[in-house]
């Protein structure tokens, strides 16, 4: 089985899909038997190098993504690209950080593709769980995620902004991958 792994997070800096150094390090920590997608949602390389975004600006941009994903235009703009990504491997694991889970849910993917996708969500911010295999991980100090999910699958010691730097998150994700 070919397994590809891709990030699906809010776009802190619209127009830039480059992975952050933390995202690269996390992906590298998952091992050599995985194929990582080198860019973030919507999985189209846009040529710019990653740049740090001030927290307030990133928060506003992510809130726009969260709310914008609830509009019909979101499906029209991004569903076909998501389906193409899923079709390129036997199975896809999406690493959904924060509002990435809401973005996934709002892609309105057909039920026929759900057996071929799994979600590892950290700090989930969404109105509901996804309709596919998933694991929701929340930091014990993450009050932002707790506003959306009071009942998750596993907890780790962190807040909303530092999941990817936690070795415990890498361990949980690696264990989840072994179950796929």
Protein backbone atom coordinates (compact mmCIF):
# COMPACT_ATOMS: atom_id res chain seq x y z
CA UNK A 1 0.00 0.00 0.00
CA UNK A 2 1.33 3.43 -0.90
CA UNK A 3 0.80 5.96 1.89
CA UNK A 4 1.12 9.66 1.33
CA UNK A 5 1.03 12.24 4.08
CA UNK A 6 0.01 15.86 3.68
CA UNK A 7 -0.65 18.81 5.95
CA UNK A 8 -4.04 20.49 5.95
CA UNK A 9 -3.98 23.55 8.17
CA UNK A 10 -5.31 27.07 8.00
CA UNK A 11 -3.31 29.32 5.75
CA UNK A 12 -1.58 31.75 8.09
CA UNK A 13 -0.16 33.47 5.04
CA UNK A 14 -2.58 33.19 2.08
CA UNK A 15 -0.82 32.47 -1.18
CA UNK A 16 2.06 30.67 0.51
CA UNK A 17 1.73 26.89 0.78
CA UNK A 18 5.33 26.23 1.81
CA UNK A 19 5.74 24.06 4.88
CA UNK A 20 7.24 25.65 7.97
CA UNK A 21 10.50 24.30 9.44
CA UNK A 22 8.42 22.68 12.21
CA UNK A 23 6.18 20.96 9.65
CA UNK A 24 9.23 19.66 7.75
CA UNK A 25 10.78 18.37 11.00
CA UNK A 26 7.54 16.68 12.04
CA UNK A 27 7.18 14.97 8.66
CA UNK A 28 10.81 13.81 8.80
CA UNK A 29 10.19 12.37 12.27
CA UNK A 30 7.48 10.07 10.93
CA UNK A 31 10.00 7.77 9.23
CA UNK A 32 11.18 6.73 5.82
CA UNK A 33 8.26 4.51 4.80
CA UNK A 34 6.02 7.47 4.05
CA UNK A 35 5.74 9.83 1.12
CA UNK A 36 5.27 13.39 2.29
CA UNK A 37 3.65 16.09 0.19
CA UNK A 38 6.05 19.06 0.22
CA UNK A 39 3.39 21.78 0.40
CA UNK A 40 0.39 22.59 2.56
CA UNK A 41 -3.26 22.91 1.53
CA UNK A 42 -4.37 23.34 -1.24
CA UNK A 43 -1.30 21.25 -2.16
CA UNK A 44 -0.12 23.45 -5.02
CA UNK A 45 3.45 24.76 -4.92
CA UNK A 46 3.37 28.53 -5.16
CA UNK A 47 7.09 29.24 -5.35
CA UNK A 48 7.52 31.34 -2.23
CA UNK A 49 9.68 30.26 0.66
CA UNK A 50 8.01 29.94 4.04
CA UNK A 51 7.92 33.14 6.08
CA UNK A 52 6.96 33.61 9.70
CA UNK A 53 3.65 35.44 10.06
CA UNK A 54 2.86 37.59 13.11
CA UNK A 55 0.44 35.79 15.42
CA UNK A 56 -2.39 38.33 15.13
CA UNK A 57 -2.22 38.32 11.31
CA UNK A 58 -2.05 34.50 11.22
CA UNK A 59 -5.05 34.25 13.56
CA UNK A 60 -7.12 36.57 11.38
CA UNK A 61 -6.16 34.65 8.23
CA UNK A 62 -7.02 31.31 9.84
CA UNK A 63 -10.38 32.64 11.03
CA UNK A 64 -11.09 33.75 7.46
CA UNK A 65 -10.23 30.26 6.20
CA UNK A 66 -12.46 28.65 8.83
CA UNK A 67 -15.43 30.88 7.98
CA UNK A 68 -14.77 30.93 4.23
CA UNK A 69 -14.70 27.15 4.09
CA UNK A 70 -18.36 27.12 5.06
CA UNK A 71 -19.37 28.84 1.79
CA UNK A 72 -20.33 26.89 -1.35
CA UNK A 73 -17.48 28.53 -3.30
CA UNK A 74 -14.97 26.65 -1.11
CA UNK A 75 -16.11 23.28 -2.47
CA UNK A 76 -15.90 24.57 -6.03
CA UNK A 77 -12.42 25.97 -5.52
CA UNK A 78 -10.79 23.07 -3.64
CA UNK A 79 -12.72 19.79 -3.88
CA UNK A 80 -11.27 18.72 -7.26
CA UNK A 81 -7.70 19.30 -6.02
CA UNK A 82 -8.39 17.29 -2.89
CA UNK A 83 -9.83 14.42 -4.94
CA UNK A 84 -6.77 14.49 -7.23
CA UNK A 85 -4.46 14.31 -4.19
CA UNK A 86 -6.39 11.35 -2.77
CA UNK A 87 -6.36 9.56 -6.13
CA UNK A 88 -2.56 9.76 -6.31
CA UNK A 89 -2.00 7.12 -3.58
CA UNK A 90 -3.63 4.03 -2.14
CA UNK A 91 -4.14 5.87 1.17
CA UNK A 92 -3.65 9.44 2.34
CA UNK A 93 -3.08 10.61 5.88
CA UNK A 94 -3.95 14.25 6.40
CA UNK A 95 -2.26 16.03 9.29
CA UNK A 96 -4.97 18.52 10.24
CA UNK A 97 -3.80 21.25 12.55
CA UNK A 98 -6.32 23.57 14.20
CA UNK A 99 -8.98 24.62 11.64
CA UNK A 100 -7.61 22.15 9.08
CA UNK A 101 -10.22 19.67 10.28
CA UNK A 102 -13.02 22.15 9.51
CA UNK A 103 -11.50 22.75 6.06
CA UNK A 104 -11.46 18.98 5.43
CA UNK A 105 -15.07 18.55 6.55
CA UNK A 106 -16.18 21.42 4.34
CA UNK A 107 -14.58 19.93 1.21
CA UNK A 108 -17.69 17.70 1.14
CA UNK A 109 -15.79 14.76 -0.29
CA UNK A 110 -17.89 11.84 -1.55
CA UNK A 111 -18.34 8.87 0.78
CA UNK A 112 -16.64 6.65 -1.81
CA UNK A 113 -13.20 8.18 -1.06
CA UNK A 114 -13.45 8.13 2.73
CA UNK A 115 -12.02 4.60 3.14
CA UNK A 116 -8.82 5.87 1.46
CA UNK A 117 -8.25 8.85 3.75
CA UNK A 118 -7.38 9.13 7.44
CA UNK A 119 -7.10 12.20 9.63
CA UNK A 120 -4.60 12.85 12.40
CA UNK A 121 -5.93 16.09 13.89
CA UNK A 122 -3.97 18.04 16.48
CA UNK A 123 -5.58 20.97 18.27
CA UNK A 124 -8.78 20.39 16.27
CA UNK A 125 -11.02 23.37 15.63
CA UNK A 126 -14.13 22.15 13.82
CA UNK A 127 -17.85 21.75 14.27
CA UNK A 128 -17.75 17.95 14.01
CA UNK A 129 -15.56 14.90 13.68
CA UNK A 130 -14.73 13.78 10.12
CA UNK A 131 -16.60 10.97 8.38
CA UNK A 132 -13.44 8.88 7.95
CA UNK A 133 -10.92 7.09 10.14
CA UNK A 134 -9.39 9.65 12.50
CA UNK A 135 -7.56 10.41 15.72
CA UNK A 136 -8.13 13.72 17.50
CA UNK A 137 -5.31 14.87 19.79
CA UNK A 138 -5.67 17.87 22.07
CA UNK A 139 -3.20 19.66 24.33
CA UNK A 140 -4.16 19.78 27.98
CA UNK A 141 -3.48 23.54 27.93
CA UNK A 142 -5.21 24.13 24.57
CA UNK A 143 -8.27 26.16 25.54
CA UNK A 144 -8.84 27.16 21.89
CA UNK A 145 -9.42 23.60 20.71
CA UNK A 146 -11.41 22.81 23.84
CA UNK A 147 -14.00 25.42 22.77
CA UNK A 148 -14.86 23.10 19.85
CA UNK A 149 -14.07 19.66 21.25
CA UNK A 150 -14.49 18.69 24.88
CA UNK A 151 -14.14 15.00 24.06
CA UNK A 152 -11.11 14.01 21.97
CA UNK A 153 -9.33 10.67 21.58
CA UNK A 154 -6.01 11.51 23.24
CA UNK A 155 -4.36 14.31 25.22
CA UNK A 156 -0.78 15.55 25.33
CA UNK A 157 0.96 18.24 27.37
CA UNK A 158 0.95 21.41 25.24
CA UNK A 159 -0.99 24.49 24.23
CA UNK A 160 -2.47 25.44 20.85
CA UNK A 161 0.70 26.88 19.35
CA UNK A 162 3.33 24.20 20.02
CA UNK A 163 1.98 20.78 18.98
CA UNK A 164 4.54 19.98 16.30
CA UNK A 165 7.49 20.49 18.64
CA UNK A 166 6.19 17.82 21.04
CA UNK A 167 7.90 14.41 20.69
CA UNK A 168 4.74 12.90 22.17
CA UNK A 169 2.74 14.09 19.13
CA UNK A 170 5.20 12.45 16.74
CA UNK A 171 4.93 9.22 18.75
CA UNK A 172 1.11 9.28 18.65
CA UNK A 173 1.12 9.94 14.90
CA UNK A 174 3.63 7.15 14.25
CA UNK A 175 1.45 4.73 16.24
CA UNK A 176 -1.62 5.85 14.26
CA UNK A 177 0.21 5.28 10.97
CA UNK A 178 1.01 1.69 12.00
CA UNK A 179 -2.74 1.02 12.33
CA UNK A 180 -3.54 2.12 8.77
